[in-house]
Amino acid sequence: MNTPPSIGWYLSGFSDGEGSFNVSLRQRPDHKLQWQVVLTFNVAQRDVTNLKLLQKYLHCGRLQRRSDGVHYFVVTNYVEIVEKVFPFFERFPFQSASKTKNFALFKQIAMIVYSGEHLAQKGFMKIVELREKLNEGKGRKRKYKKQDVVNLRESSETIRRTRLS
């Protein structure tokens, strides 16, 4: 990476305050386990300047704009997350304890996806467990919680067994 240290540390600090690592679960009947794991690193800001710098120095991601004028830098491609986002923040580590913790958890989850282990029951459930510890606290919104995933997996397994009987 040819990121000048002053820019790298600036973008790391900016992302420490404004960035977010998220793991979403989407129900997908066409997937073997009925679920898709979606990894996202994003940073939101009204001023697009720093977001363009992130895109330039991370060599990935896309810029989006909401109707209310907020811009987003978003990376959802898990290969880019592992091969571009992680090395950047390993070179320029976060300073806050909470972002450092979330980055470590997100990395563990991403490596399960990157290795393909998430396609098996054991790997997928490991992601579900780790995800519970990610972004703890007020303001965390999730469509599916751990119990929802477990309940839906059990009910779809019951349906499959009934059909096979």
Protein backbone atom coordinates (compact mmCIF):
# COMPACT_ATOMS: atom_id res chain seq x y z
CA MET A 1 0.00 0.00 0.00
CA ASN A 2 1.23 3.44 -0.89
CA THR A 3 -0.76 5.29 1.75
CA PRO A 4 1.16 8.17 3.34
CA PRO A 5 1.13 7.61 7.13
CA SER A 6 -0.51 10.99 7.79
CA ILE A 7 -3.43 10.10 5.48
CA GLY A 8 -3.63 6.52 6.82
CA TRP A 9 -3.83 7.61 10.44
CA TYR A 10 -6.32 10.35 9.57
CA LEU A 11 -8.63 7.91 7.75
CA SER A 12 -8.25 5.34 10.53
CA GLY A 13 -9.26 7.92 13.14
CA PHE A 14 -12.13 9.13 10.98
CA SER A 15 -13.35 5.53 10.50
CA ASP A 16 -12.88 4.85 14.21
CA GLY A 17 -15.48 7.52 14.94
CA GLU A 18 -17.78 7.28 11.92
CA GLY A 19 -17.31 3.75 10.54
CA SER A 20 -19.23 0.58 11.16
CA PHE A 21 -18.68 -3.16 10.67
CA ASN A 22 -21.92 -5.08 10.18
CA VAL A 23 -22.96 -8.66 9.57
CA SER A 24 -26.47 -9.14 8.17
CA LEU A 25 -28.35 -12.37 7.76
CA ARG A 26 -30.80 -12.71 4.89
CA GLN A 27 -33.23 -15.58 4.46
CA ARG A 28 -32.49 -17.25 1.13
CA PRO A 29 -34.48 -20.36 0.20
CA ASP A 30 -32.06 -20.99 -2.69
CA HIS A 31 -29.10 -21.36 -0.28
CA LYS A 32 -28.21 -24.72 1.26
CA LEU A 33 -28.62 -23.45 4.84
CA GLN A 34 -31.46 -21.07 3.85
CA TRP A 35 -29.35 -18.05 4.92
CA GLN A 36 -26.94 -15.62 3.28
CA VAL A 37 -24.26 -13.88 5.36
CA VAL A 38 -23.64 -10.29 4.20
CA LEU A 39 -20.55 -8.46 5.46
CA THR A 40 -20.45 -4.65 5.32
CA PHE A 41 -17.93 -1.98 6.22
CA ASN A 42 -19.40 1.49 5.84
CA VAL A 43 -18.81 5.08 6.78
CA ALA A 44 -21.55 7.74 6.57
CA GLN A 45 -21.03 11.50 6.32
CA ARG A 46 -22.70 14.55 4.78
CA ASP A 47 -19.40 15.75 3.32
CA VAL A 48 -18.23 13.25 0.69
CA THR A 49 -14.54 14.36 0.77
CA ASN A 50 -13.28 11.85 3.35
CA LEU A 51 -15.37 9.08 1.81
CA LYS A 52 -13.65 9.65 -1.53
CA LEU A 53 -10.29 9.45 0.27
CA LEU A 54 -11.29 6.12 1.82
CA GLN A 55 -12.27 4.77 -1.58
CA LYS A 56 -9.01 6.00 -3.09
CA TYR A 57 -6.69 4.57 -0.42
CA LEU A 58 -8.57 1.34 0.27
CA HIS A 59 -8.84 0.70 -3.49
CA CYS A 60 -12.36 -0.67 -3.17
CA GLY A 61 -15.94 0.11 -2.23
CA ARG A 62 -18.58 2.36 -3.66
CA LEU A 63 -20.08 5.73 -2.81
CA GLN A 64 -23.81 6.09 -2.30
CA ARG A 65 -26.04 9.05 -1.50
CA ARG A 66 -29.28 8.98 0.43
CA SER A 67 -32.18 11.31 -0.38
CA ASP A 68 -31.49 13.29 2.82
CA GLY A 69 -28.01 14.25 1.57
CA VAL A 70 -25.97 11.76 3.63
CA HIS A 71 -23.22 10.00 1.67
CA TYR A 72 -21.93 6.49 2.34
CA PHE A 73 -18.71 4.70 1.56
CA VAL A 74 -19.65 1.01 1.47
CA VAL A 75 -17.70 -2.23 1.00
CA THR A 76 -19.78 -5.43 0.84
CA ASN A 77 -17.52 -7.67 -1.23
CA TYR A 78 -16.03 -10.06 1.33
CA VAL A 79 -12.87 -10.61 -0.76
CA GLU A 80 -12.21 -6.84 -0.83
CA ILE A 81 -12.93 -6.64 2.89
CA VAL A 82 -10.36 -9.36 3.65
CA GLU A 83 -7.74 -8.35 1.10
CA LYS A 84 -8.01 -4.53 1.19
CA VAL A 85 -9.92 -3.24 4.23
CA PHE A 86 -8.25 -5.52 6.79
CA PRO A 87 -4.65 -4.81 5.73
CA PHE A 88 -5.35 -1.05 5.83
CA PHE A 89 -6.67 -1.14 9.41
CA GLU A 90 -3.96 -3.57 10.50
CA ARG A 91 -1.40 -1.04 9.29
CA PHE A 92 -3.33 1.87 10.84
CA PRO A 93 -5.10 0.32 13.88
CA PHE A 94 -8.12 1.82 15.59
CA GLN A 95 -7.50 3.58 18.88
CA SER A 96 -10.87 3.11 20.61
CA ALA A 97 -11.49 -0.08 22.56
CA SER A 98 -14.97 -0.59 21.10
CA LYS A 99 -13.92 -0.27 17.45
CA THR A 100 -10.88 -2.48 18.09
CA LYS A 101 -13.19 -5.15 19.58
CA ASN A 102 -15.71 -4.91 16.74
CA PHE A 103 -12.94 -5.05 14.14
CA ALA A 104 -11.54 -8.25 15.73
CA LEU A 105 -15.00 -9.88 15.81
CA PHE A 106 -15.77 -8.79 12.26
CA LYS A 107 -12.42 -10.21 11.12
CA GLN A 108 -13.19 -13.60 12.68
CA ILE A 109 -16.57 -13.67 10.93
CA ALA A 110 -15.12 -12.55 7.61
CA MET A 111 -12.44 -15.24 7.73
CA ILE A 112 -15.14 -17.90 8.22
CA VAL A 113 -16.90 -16.57 5.10
CA TYR A 114 -13.62 -16.17 3.17
CA SER A 115 -12.68 -19.81 3.89
CA GLY A 116 -16.14 -21.07 2.92
CA GLU A 117 -16.80 -22.54 6.38
CA HIS A 118 -20.06 -20.54 6.61
CA LEU A 119 -21.59 -22.89 4.04
CA ALA A 120 -21.67 -25.68 6.64
CA GLN A 121 -23.94 -25.69 9.70
CA LYS A 122 -21.06 -25.46 12.19
CA GLY A 123 -19.43 -22.45 10.50
CA PHE A 124 -22.74 -20.65 10.02
CA MET A 125 -23.70 -21.10 13.67
CA LYS A 126 -20.25 -19.85 14.73
CA ILE A 127 -20.99 -16.65 12.75
CA VAL A 128 -24.40 -16.34 14.45
CA GLU A 129 -22.70 -16.65 17.88
CA LEU A 130 -19.92 -14.13 17.09
CA ARG A 131 -22.43 -11.71 15.57
CA GLU A 132 -24.24 -11.48 18.93
CA LYS A 133 -21.13 -9.76 20.39
CA LEU A 134 -20.72 -7.33 17.46
CA ASN A 135 -21.83 -3.69 17.98
CA GLU A 136 -23.31 -4.34 21.42
CA GLY A 137 -25.31 -1.62 23.10
CA LYS A 138 -28.03 0.89 22.36
CA GLY A 139 -28.99 1.60 18.79
CA ARG A 140 -28.16 -1.83 17.38
CA LYS A 141 -30.90 -2.88 14.98
CA ARG A 142 -31.23 -6.39 13.65
CA LYS A 143 -33.94 -7.97 11.57
CA TYR A 144 -32.90 -11.43 12.79
CA LYS A 145 -31.52 -12.19 16.24
CA LYS A 146 -29.81 -15.44 17.21
CA GLN A 147 -33.04 -16.98 18.49
CA ASP A 148 -34.86 -16.10 15.24
CA VAL A 149 -32.20 -17.90 13.23
CA VAL A 150 -32.27 -20.96 15.48
CA ASN A 151 -36.10 -21.10 15.46
CA LEU A 152 -36.36 -20.63 11.68
CA ARG A 153 -33.65 -23.22 11.05
CA GLU A 154 -35.40 -25.73 13.32
CA SER A 155 -38.83 -25.16 11.74
CA SER A 156 -37.47 -25.46 8.17
CA GLU A 157 -35.66 -28.67 9.19
CA THR A 158 -38.94 -30.05 10.59
CA ILE A 159 -40.69 -29.19 7.31
CA ARG A 160 -37.94 -30.94 5.30
CA ARG A 161 -38.15 -34.07 7.48
CA THR A 162 -41.95 -34.13 7.17
CA ARG A 163 -41.73 -33.95 3.36
CA LEU A 164 -39.21 -36.80 3.30
CA SER A 165 -41.43 -39.06 5.48
